[in-house]
Amino acid sequence: MILEYSLDYRSDSLVYEKIFLQTLSETNLKGTISKNHFDLKLYVEADTTQELEDFATKFATSLPHSIFLYDSDAKMCDSMPDEYQLPSQEKL
């Protein structure tokens, strides 16, 4: 089972990606990220609906409110894209 989060996130910040990866690590689930300009897609794979529900709850409660988040959606899908590498970002 694969859950896809689609976010219209209009910022170069990697906050949502980092929170997603941290939540994956904490829940021991497999996932990946796809990003095309402002279109951010986050994928998580689990064996059971309970694992997906637990992930979704933990992830949703971890996300900060943002004026840069214009739209969001979640749906089940059939496949995930290949592995994604976060770009390096210098702290100011």
PDB file of N, CA and C in Angstrom:
ATOM      1  N   MET A   1       0.845  -1.168   0.000  1.00  0.00           N
ATOM      2  CA  MET A   1       0.000   0.000   0.000  1.00  0.00           C
ATOM      3  C   MET A   1       0.893   1.235   0.000  1.00  0.00           C
ATOM      4  N   ILE A   2       0.558   2.165  -0.892  1.00  0.00           N
ATOM      5  CA  ILE A   2       1.350   3.391  -1.003  1.00  0.00           C
ATOM      6  C   ILE A   2       0.421   4.596  -0.879  1.00  0.00           C
ATOM      7  N   LEU A   3       0.797   5.508  -0.003  1.00  0.00           N
ATOM      8  CA  LEU A   3       0.056   6.750   0.192  1.00  0.00           C
ATOM      9  C   LEU A   3       0.877   7.887  -0.399  1.00  0.00           C
ATOM     10  N   GLU A   4       0.226   8.709  -1.217  1.00  0.00           N
ATOM     11  CA  GLU A   4       0.892   9.848  -1.849  1.00  0.00           C
ATOM     12  C   GLU A   4       0.323  11.152  -1.293  1.00  0.00           C
ATOM     13  N   TYR A   5       1.210  11.976  -0.745  1.00  0.00           N
ATOM     14  CA  TYR A   5       0.846  13.324  -0.326  1.00  0.00           C
ATOM     15  C   TYR A   5       1.248  14.274  -1.450  1.00  0.00           C
ATOM     16  N   SER A   6       0.341  15.122  -1.899  1.00  0.00           N
ATOM     17  CA  SER A   6       0.657  16.149  -2.894  1.00  0.00           C
ATOM     18  C   SER A   6       0.527  17.503  -2.220  1.00  0.00           C
ATOM     19  N   LEU A   7       1.609  18.274  -2.273  1.00  0.00           N
ATOM     20  CA  LEU A   7       1.628  19.585  -1.637  1.00  0.00           C
ATOM     21  C   LEU A   7       2.015  20.645  -2.648  1.00  0.00           C
ATOM     22  N   ASP A   8       1.284  21.736  -2.673  1.00  0.00           N
ATOM     23  CA  ASP A   8       1.663  22.915  -3.457  1.00  0.00           C
ATOM     24  C   ASP A   8       2.373  23.838  -2.472  1.00  0.00           C
ATOM     25  N   TYR A   9       3.685  23.619  -2.347  1.00  0.00           N
ATOM     26  CA  TYR A   9       4.480  24.297  -1.326  1.00  0.00           C
ATOM     27  C   TYR A   9       5.405  25.294  -2.008  1.00  0.00           C
ATOM     28  N   ARG A  10       5.098  26.566  -1.897  1.00  0.00           N
ATOM     29  CA  ARG A  10       5.795  27.617  -2.647  1.00  0.00           C
ATOM     30  C   ARG A  10       6.928  28.243  -1.851  1.00  0.00           C
ATOM     31  N   SER A  11       7.897  27.392  -1.549  1.00  0.00           N
ATOM     32  CA  SER A  11       9.075  27.829  -0.815  1.00  0.00           C
ATOM     33  C   SER A  11      10.241  26.914  -1.181  1.00  0.00           C
ATOM     34  N   ASP A  12      11.443  27.444  -1.078  1.00  0.00           N
ATOM     35  CA  ASP A  12      12.640  26.634  -1.310  1.00  0.00           C
ATOM     36  C   ASP A  12      13.094  25.933  -0.034  1.00  0.00           C
ATOM     37  N   SER A  13      12.416  26.193   1.051  1.00  0.00           N
ATOM     38  CA  SER A  13      12.740  25.553   2.326  1.00  0.00           C
ATOM     39  C   SER A  13      12.552  24.046   2.202  1.00  0.00           C
ATOM     40  N   LEU A  14      13.361  23.306   2.906  1.00  0.00           N
ATOM     41  CA  LEU A  14      13.258  21.841   2.901  1.00  0.00           C
ATOM     42  C   LEU A  14      12.608  21.312   4.172  1.00  0.00           C
ATOM     43  N   VAL A  15      11.884  22.160   4.867  1.00  0.00           N
ATOM     44  CA  VAL A  15      11.296  21.787   6.151  1.00  0.00           C
ATOM     45  C   VAL A  15      10.339  20.607   6.016  1.00  0.00           C
ATOM     46  N   TYR A  16       9.418  20.655   5.081  1.00  0.00           N
ATOM     47  CA  TYR A  16       8.446  19.573   4.939  1.00  0.00           C
ATOM     48  C   TYR A  16       9.127  18.271   4.553  1.00  0.00           C
ATOM     49  N   GLU A  17      10.122  18.330   3.670  1.00  0.00           N
ATOM     50  CA  GLU A  17      10.855  17.135   3.272  1.00  0.00           C
ATOM     51  C   GLU A  17      11.586  16.524   4.470  1.00  0.00           C
ATOM     52  N   LYS A  18      12.223  17.366   5.269  1.00  0.00           N
ATOM     53  CA  LYS A  18      12.966  16.864   6.426  1.00  0.00           C
ATOM     54  C   LYS A  18      12.041  16.250   7.467  1.00  0.00           C
ATOM     55  N   ILE A  19      10.890  16.853   7.697  1.00  0.00           N
ATOM     56  CA  ILE A  19       9.915  16.290   8.638  1.00  0.00           C
ATOM     57  C   ILE A  19       9.400  14.948   8.121  1.00  0.00           C
ATOM     58  N   PHE A  20       9.150  14.871   6.819  1.00  0.00           N
ATOM     59  CA  PHE A  20       8.692  13.626   6.202  1.00  0.00           C
ATOM     60  C   PHE A  20       9.731  12.519   6.410  1.00  0.00           C
ATOM     61  N   LEU A  21      10.995  12.818   6.108  1.00  0.00           N
ATOM     62  CA  LEU A  21      12.055  11.824   6.254  1.00  0.00           C
ATOM     63  C   LEU A  21      12.252  11.417   7.718  1.00  0.00           C
ATOM     64  N   GLN A  22      12.131  12.365   8.625  1.00  0.00           N
ATOM     65  CA  GLN A  22      12.243  12.057  10.053  1.00  0.00           C
ATOM     66  C   GLN A  22      11.105  11.139  10.499  1.00  0.00           C
ATOM     67  N   THR A  23       9.889  11.420  10.037  1.00  0.00           N
ATOM     68  CA  THR A  23       8.735  10.590  10.396  1.00  0.00           C
ATOM     69  C   THR A  23       8.882   9.186   9.817  1.00  0.00           C
ATOM     70  N   LEU A  24       9.403   9.073   8.585  1.00  0.00           N
ATOM     71  CA  LEU A  24       9.674   7.754   8.004  1.00  0.00           C
ATOM     72  C   LEU A  24      10.645   6.977   8.889  1.00  0.00           C
ATOM     73  N   SER A  25      11.687   7.643   9.313  1.00  0.00           N
ATOM     74  CA  SER A  25      12.700   7.011  10.155  1.00  0.00           C
ATOM     75  C   SER A  25      12.105   6.538  11.485  1.00  0.00           C
ATOM     76  N   GLU A  26      11.285   7.365  12.092  1.00  0.00           N
ATOM     77  CA  GLU A  26      10.680   7.026  13.385  1.00  0.00           C
ATOM     78  C   GLU A  26       9.687   5.878  13.290  1.00  0.00           C
ATOM     79  N   THR A  27       9.048   5.730  12.132  1.00  0.00           N
ATOM     80  CA  THR A  27       8.037   4.684  11.970  1.00  0.00           C
ATOM     81  C   THR A  27       8.570   3.450  11.240  1.00  0.00           C
ATOM     82  N   ASN A  28       9.846   3.499  10.813  1.00  0.00           N
ATOM     83  CA  ASN A  28      10.477   2.384  10.096  1.00  0.00           C
ATOM     84  C   ASN A  28       9.725   1.992   8.822  1.00  0.00           C
ATOM     85  N   LEU A  29       9.237   2.990   8.102  1.00  0.00           N
ATOM     86  CA  LEU A  29       8.556   2.737   6.845  1.00  0.00           C
ATOM     87  C   LEU A  29       9.415   3.221   5.680  1.00  0.00           C
ATOM     88  N   LYS A  30       9.114   2.723   4.506  1.00  0.00           N
ATOM     89  CA  LYS A  30       9.840   3.105   3.301  1.00  0.00           C
ATOM     90  C   LYS A  30       9.081   4.243   2.620  1.00  0.00           C
ATOM     91  N   GLY A  31       9.825   5.200   2.070  1.00  0.00           N
ATOM     92  CA  GLY A  31       9.185   6.303   1.370  1.00  0.00           C
ATOM     93  C   GLY A  31      10.164   7.029   0.480  1.00  0.00           C
ATOM     94  N   THR A  32       9.650   7.931  -0.322  1.00  0.00           N
ATOM     95  CA  THR A  32      10.482   8.748  -1.187  1.00  0.00           C
ATOM     96  C   THR A  32       9.776  10.063  -1.472  1.00  0.00           C
ATOM     97  N   ILE A  33      10.515  10.952  -2.135  1.00  0.00           N
ATOM     98  CA  ILE A  33      10.038  12.305  -2.408  1.00  0.00           C
ATOM     99  C   ILE A  33      10.200  12.597  -3.888  1.00  0.00           C
ATOM    100  N   SER A  34       9.267  13.337  -4.440  1.00  0.00           N
ATOM    101  CA  SER A  34       9.365  13.829  -5.805  1.00  0.00           C
ATOM    102  C   SER A  34       9.071  15.325  -5.755  1.00  0.00           C
ATOM    103  N   LYS A  35       9.918  16.110  -6.404  1.00  0.00           N
ATOM    104  CA  LYS A  35       9.711  17.559  -6.376  1.00  0.00           C
ATOM    105  C   LYS A  35       9.927  18.131  -7.761  1.00  0.00           C
ATOM    106  N   ASN A  36       8.965  18.921  -8.205  1.00  0.00           N
ATOM    107  CA  ASN A  36       9.039  19.604  -9.482  1.00  0.00           C
ATOM    108  C   ASN A  36       8.558  21.030  -9.255  1.00  0.00           C
ATOM    109  N   HIS A  37       9.486  21.956  -9.121  1.00  0.00           N
ATOM    110  CA  HIS A  37       9.202  23.361  -8.813  1.00  0.00           C
ATOM    111  C   HIS A  37       8.448  23.428  -7.483  1.00  0.00           C
ATOM    112  N   PHE A  38       7.183  23.828  -7.474  1.00  0.00           N
ATOM    113  CA  PHE A  38       6.416  23.930  -6.234  1.00  0.00           C
ATOM    114  C   PHE A  38       5.589  22.684  -5.945  1.00  0.00           C
ATOM    115  N   ASP A  39       5.594  21.726  -6.861  1.00  0.00           N
ATOM    116  CA  ASP A  39       4.812  20.503  -6.708  1.00  0.00           C
ATOM    117  C   ASP A  39       5.640  19.480  -5.939  1.00  0.00           C
ATOM    118  N   LEU A  40       5.313  19.310  -4.668  1.00  0.00           N
ATOM    119  CA  LEU A  40       6.031  18.394  -3.794  1.00  0.00           C
ATOM    120  C   LEU A  40       5.146  17.177  -3.544  1.00  0.00           C
ATOM    121  N   LYS A  41       5.688  15.992  -3.850  1.00  0.00           N
ATOM    122  CA  LYS A  41       4.947  14.748  -3.609  1.00  0.00           C
ATOM    123  C   LYS A  41       5.767  13.880  -2.675  1.00  0.00           C
ATOM    124  N   LEU A  42       5.104  13.396  -1.641  1.00  0.00           N
ATOM    125  CA  LEU A  42       5.726  12.563  -0.626  1.00  0.00           C
ATOM    126  C   LEU A  42       5.027  11.208  -0.640  1.00  0.00           C
ATOM    127  N   TYR A  43       5.810  10.144  -0.741  1.00  0.00           N
ATOM    128  CA  TYR A  43       5.249   8.795  -0.833  1.00  0.00           C
ATOM    129  C   TYR A  43       5.694   7.970   0.364  1.00  0.00           C
ATOM    130  N   VAL A  44       4.770   7.216   0.909  1.00  0.00           N
ATOM    131  CA  VAL A  44       5.087   6.308   2.013  1.00  0.00           C
ATOM    132  C   VAL A  44       4.432   4.960   1.715  1.00  0.00           C
ATOM    133  N   GLU A  45       5.207   3.891   1.970  1.00  0.00           N
ATOM    134  CA  GLU A  45       4.731   2.535   1.702  1.00  0.00           C
ATOM    135  C   GLU A  45       4.665   1.753   3.003  1.00  0.00           C
ATOM    136  N   ALA A  46       3.569   1.018   3.184  1.00  0.00           N
ATOM    137  CA  ALA A  46       3.388   0.201   4.382  1.00  0.00           C
ATOM    138  C   ALA A  46       2.645  -1.073   4.009  1.00  0.00           C
ATOM    139  N   ASP A  47       2.753  -2.065   4.874  1.00  0.00           N
ATOM    140  CA  ASP A  47       2.085  -3.344   4.633  1.00  0.00           C
ATOM    141  C   ASP A  47       0.618  -3.323   5.037  1.00  0.00           C
ATOM    142  N   THR A  48       0.274  -2.491   6.021  1.00  0.00           N
ATOM    143  CA  THR A  48      -1.103  -2.483   6.525  1.00  0.00           C
ATOM    144  C   THR A  48      -1.682  -1.070   6.531  1.00  0.00           C
ATOM    145  N   THR A  49      -2.995  -1.005   6.547  1.00  0.00           N
ATOM    146  CA  THR A  49      -3.652   0.295   6.630  1.00  0.00           C
ATOM    147  C   THR A  49      -3.386   0.948   7.982  1.00  0.00           C
ATOM    148  N   GLN A  50      -3.228   0.142   9.025  1.00  0.00           N
ATOM    149  CA  GLN A  50      -2.945   0.690  10.357  1.00  0.00           C
ATOM    150  C   GLN A  50      -1.598   1.406  10.373  1.00  0.00           C
ATOM    151  N   GLU A  51      -0.594   0.838   9.725  1.00  0.00           N
ATOM    152  CA  GLU A  51       0.720   1.489   9.644  1.00  0.00           C
ATOM    153  C   GLU A  51       0.629   2.818   8.897  1.00  0.00           C
ATOM    154  N   LEU A  52      -0.138   2.840   7.797  1.00  0.00           N
ATOM    155  CA  LEU A  52      -0.319   4.089   7.052  1.00  0.00           C
ATOM    156  C   LEU A  52      -1.064   5.122   7.882  1.00  0.00           C
ATOM    157  N   GLU A  53      -2.083   4.681   8.594  1.00  0.00           N
ATOM    158  CA  GLU A  53      -2.857   5.594   9.440  1.00  0.00           C
ATOM    159  C   GLU A  53      -1.993   6.174  10.555  1.00  0.00           C
ATOM    160  N   ASP A  54      -1.188   5.330  11.180  1.00  0.00           N
ATOM    161  CA  ASP A  54      -0.291   5.805  12.241  1.00  0.00           C
ATOM    162  C   ASP A  54       0.720   6.810  11.693  1.00  0.00           C
ATOM    163  N   PHE A  55       1.274   6.511  10.511  1.00  0.00           N
ATOM    164  CA  PHE A  55       2.217   7.437   9.886  1.00  0.00           C
ATOM    165  C   PHE A  55       1.531   8.765   9.585  1.00  0.00           C
ATOM    166  N   ALA A  56       0.362   8.697   8.960  1.00  0.00           N
ATOM    167  CA  ALA A  56      -0.359   9.910   8.560  1.00  0.00           C
ATOM    168  C   ALA A  56      -0.676  10.794   9.761  1.00  0.00           C
ATOM    169  N   THR A  57      -1.075  10.191  10.854  1.00  0.00           N
ATOM    170  CA  THR A  57      -1.384  10.952  12.063  1.00  0.00           C
ATOM    171  C   THR A  57      -0.129  11.621  12.612  1.00  0.00           C
ATOM    172  N   LYS A  58       0.946  10.871  12.717  1.00  0.00           N
ATOM    173  CA  LYS A  58       2.202  11.418  13.243  1.00  0.00           C
ATOM    174  C   LYS A  58       2.734  12.522  12.331  1.00  0.00           C
ATOM    175  N   PHE A  59       2.704  12.297  11.029  1.00  0.00           N
ATOM    176  CA  PHE A  59       3.200  13.277  10.063  1.00  0.00           C
ATOM    177  C   PHE A  59       2.368  14.559  10.104  1.00  0.00           C
ATOM    178  N   ALA A  60       1.059  14.412  10.097  1.00  0.00           N
ATOM    179  CA  ALA A  60       0.168  15.583  10.091  1.00  0.00           C
ATOM    180  C   ALA A  60       0.334  16.431  11.349  1.00  0.00           C
ATOM    181  N   THR A  61       0.539  15.796  12.480  1.00  0.00           N
ATOM    182  CA  THR A  61       0.696  16.568  13.715  1.00  0.00           C
ATOM    183  C   THR A  61       2.077  17.201  13.835  1.00  0.00           C
ATOM    184  N   SER A  62       3.026  16.743  13.018  1.00  0.00           N
ATOM    185  CA  SER A  62       4.383  17.304  13.041  1.00  0.00           C
ATOM    186  C   SER A  62       4.559  18.499  12.106  1.00  0.00           C
ATOM    187  N   LEU A  63       3.683  18.622  11.119  1.00  0.00           N
ATOM    188  CA  LEU A  63       3.841  19.685  10.122  1.00  0.00           C
ATOM    189  C   LEU A  63       3.488  21.062  10.684  1.00  0.00           C
ATOM    190  N   PRO A  64       4.345  22.037  10.433  1.00  0.00           N
ATOM    191  CA  PRO A  64       4.022  23.398  10.874  1.00  0.00           C
ATOM    192  C   PRO A  64       3.043  24.047   9.906  1.00  0.00           C
ATOM    193  N   HIS A  65       2.284  24.998  10.390  1.00  0.00           N
ATOM    194  CA  HIS A  65       1.449  25.791   9.498  1.00  0.00           C
ATOM    195  C   HIS A  65       2.367  26.691   8.687  1.00  0.00           C
ATOM    196  N   SER A  66       2.025  26.910   7.417  1.00  0.00           N
ATOM    197  CA  SER A  66       2.895  27.710   6.563  1.00  0.00           C
ATOM    198  C   SER A  66       2.070  28.554   5.607  1.00  0.00           C
ATOM    199  N   ILE A  67       2.448  29.805   5.461  1.00  0.00           N
ATOM    200  CA  ILE A  67       1.783  30.672   4.483  1.00  0.00           C
ATOM    201  C   ILE A  67       2.185  30.281   3.070  1.00  0.00           C
ATOM    202  N   PHE A  68       3.201  29.425   2.943  1.00  0.00           N
ATOM    203  CA  PHE A  68       3.673  28.989   1.635  1.00  0.00           C
ATOM    204  C   PHE A  68       2.985  27.723   1.142  1.00  0.00           C
ATOM    205  N   LEU A  69       2.167  27.097   1.979  1.00  0.00           N
ATOM    206  CA  LEU A  69       1.435  25.895   1.587  1.00  0.00           C
ATOM    207  C   LEU A  69       0.071  26.315   1.035  1.00  0.00           C
ATOM    208  N   TYR A  70      -0.080  26.175  -0.277  1.00  0.00           N
ATOM    209  CA  TYR A  70      -1.296  26.631  -0.942  1.00  0.00           C
ATOM    210  C   TYR A  70      -2.353  25.551  -1.055  1.00  0.00           C
ATOM    211  N   ASP A  71      -1.943  24.296  -1.171  1.00  0.00           N
ATOM    212  CA  ASP A  71      -2.907  23.215  -1.338  1.00  0.00           C
ATOM    213  C   ASP A  71      -2.258  21.905  -0.896  1.00  0.00           C
ATOM    214  N   SER A  72      -3.074  20.977  -0.466  1.00  0.00           N
ATOM    215  CA  SER A  72      -2.556  19.654  -0.109  1.00  0.00           C
ATOM    216  C   SER A  72      -3.625  18.607  -0.374  1.00  0.00           C
ATOM    217  N   ASP A  73      -3.154  17.378  -0.613  1.00  0.00           N
ATOM    218  CA  ASP A  73      -4.059  16.276  -0.916  1.00  0.00           C
ATOM    219  C   ASP A  73      -3.338  14.978  -0.561  1.00  0.00           C
ATOM    220  N   ALA A  74      -4.077  13.956  -0.269  1.00  0.00           N
ATOM    221  CA  ALA A  74      -3.507  12.634  -0.019  1.00  0.00           C
ATOM    222  C   ALA A  74      -4.385  11.601  -0.698  1.00  0.00           C
ATOM    223  N   LYS A  75      -3.730  10.606  -1.315  1.00  0.00           N
ATOM    224  CA  LYS A  75      -4.482   9.544  -1.985  1.00  0.00           C
ATOM    225  C   LYS A  75      -3.627   8.289  -2.067  1.00  0.00           C
ATOM    226  N   MET A  76      -4.266   7.173  -2.284  1.00  0.00           N
ATOM    227  CA  MET A  76      -3.567   5.914  -2.489  1.00  0.00           C
ATOM    228  C   MET A  76      -3.092   5.870  -3.939  1.00  0.00           C
ATOM    229  N   CYS A  77      -1.922   5.268  -4.169  1.00  0.00           N
ATOM    230  CA  CYS A  77      -1.411   5.136  -5.531  1.00  0.00           C
ATOM    231  C   CYS A  77      -0.744   3.776  -5.690  1.00  0.00           C
ATOM    232  N   ASP A  78      -0.336   3.462  -6.934  1.00  0.00           N
ATOM    233  CA  ASP A  78       0.187   2.139  -7.242  1.00  0.00           C
ATOM    234  C   ASP A  78       1.701   2.017  -7.164  1.00  0.00           C
ATOM    235  N   SER A  79       2.420   3.134  -7.329  1.00  0.00           N
ATOM    236  CA  SER A  79       3.880   3.038  -7.340  1.00  0.00           C
ATOM    237  C   SER A  79       4.522   4.315  -6.818  1.00  0.00           C
ATOM    238  N   MET A  80       5.819   4.201  -6.471  1.00  0.00           N
ATOM    239  CA  MET A  80       6.603   5.342  -5.997  1.00  0.00           C
ATOM    240  C   MET A  80       7.689   5.637  -7.025  1.00  0.00           C
ATOM    241  N   PRO A  81       8.109   6.888  -7.122  1.00  0.00           N
ATOM    242  CA  PRO A  81       9.248   7.201  -7.991  1.00  0.00           C
ATOM    243  C   PRO A  81      10.551   6.683  -7.369  1.00  0.00           C
ATOM    244  N   ASP A  82      11.630   6.796  -8.134  1.00  0.00           N
ATOM    245  CA  ASP A  82      12.945   6.372  -7.638  1.00  0.00           C
ATOM    246  C   ASP A  82      13.381   7.223  -6.460  1.00  0.00           C
ATOM    247  N   GLU A  83      14.456   6.795  -5.839  1.00  0.00           N
ATOM    248  CA  GLU A  83      15.025   7.479  -4.669  1.00  0.00           C
ATOM    249  C   GLU A  83      15.326   8.948  -4.971  1.00  0.00           C
ATOM    250  N   TYR A  84      15.119   9.793  -3.986  1.00  0.00           N
ATOM    251  CA  TYR A  84      15.323  11.235  -4.099  1.00  0.00           C
ATOM    252  C   TYR A  84      16.404  11.680  -3.119  1.00  0.00           C
ATOM    253  N   GLN A  85      17.286  12.560  -3.545  1.00  0.00           N
ATOM    254  CA  GLN A  85      18.311  13.124  -2.675  1.00  0.00           C
ATOM    255  C   GLN A  85      17.947  14.575  -2.367  1.00  0.00           C
ATOM    256  N   LEU A  86      17.905  14.913  -1.096  1.00  0.00           N
ATOM    257  CA  LEU A  86      17.645  16.302  -0.720  1.00  0.00           C
ATOM    258  C   LEU A  86      18.828  17.165  -1.173  1.00  0.00           C
ATOM    259  N   PRO A  87      18.553  18.324  -1.770  1.00  0.00           N
ATOM    260  CA  PRO A  87      19.655  19.215  -2.121  1.00  0.00           C
ATOM    261  C   PRO A  87      20.311  19.753  -0.857  1.00  0.00           C
ATOM    262  N   SER A  88      21.605  20.007  -0.943  1.00  0.00           N
ATOM    263  CA  SER A  88      22.258  20.578   0.233  1.00  0.00           C
ATOM    264  C   SER A  88      21.834  22.039   0.374  1.00  0.00           C
ATOM    265  N   GLN A  89      21.730  22.492   1.585  1.00  0.00           N
ATOM    266  CA  GLN A  89      21.247  23.843   1.847  1.00  0.00           C
ATOM    267  C   GLN A  89      22.067  24.428   2.989  1.00  0.00           C
ATOM    268  N   GLU A  90      22.722  25.547   2.716  1.00  0.00           N
ATOM    269  CA  GLU A  90      23.526  26.195   3.744  1.00  0.00           C
ATOM    270  C   GLU A  90      22.639  26.948   4.716  1.00  0.00           C
ATOM    271  N   LYS A  91      23.019  26.904   5.973  1.00  0.00           N
ATOM    272  CA  LYS A  91      22.314  27.690   6.975  1.00  0.00           C
ATOM    273  C   LYS A  91      22.868  29.112   6.948  1.00  0.00           C
ATOM    274  N   LEU A  92      21.978  30.049   7.047  1.00  0.00           N
ATOM    275  CA  LEU A  92      22.400  31.456   7.041  1.00  0.00           C
ATOM    276  C   LEU A  92      22.739  31.949   8.413  1.00  0.00           C
TER     277      LEU A  92
END
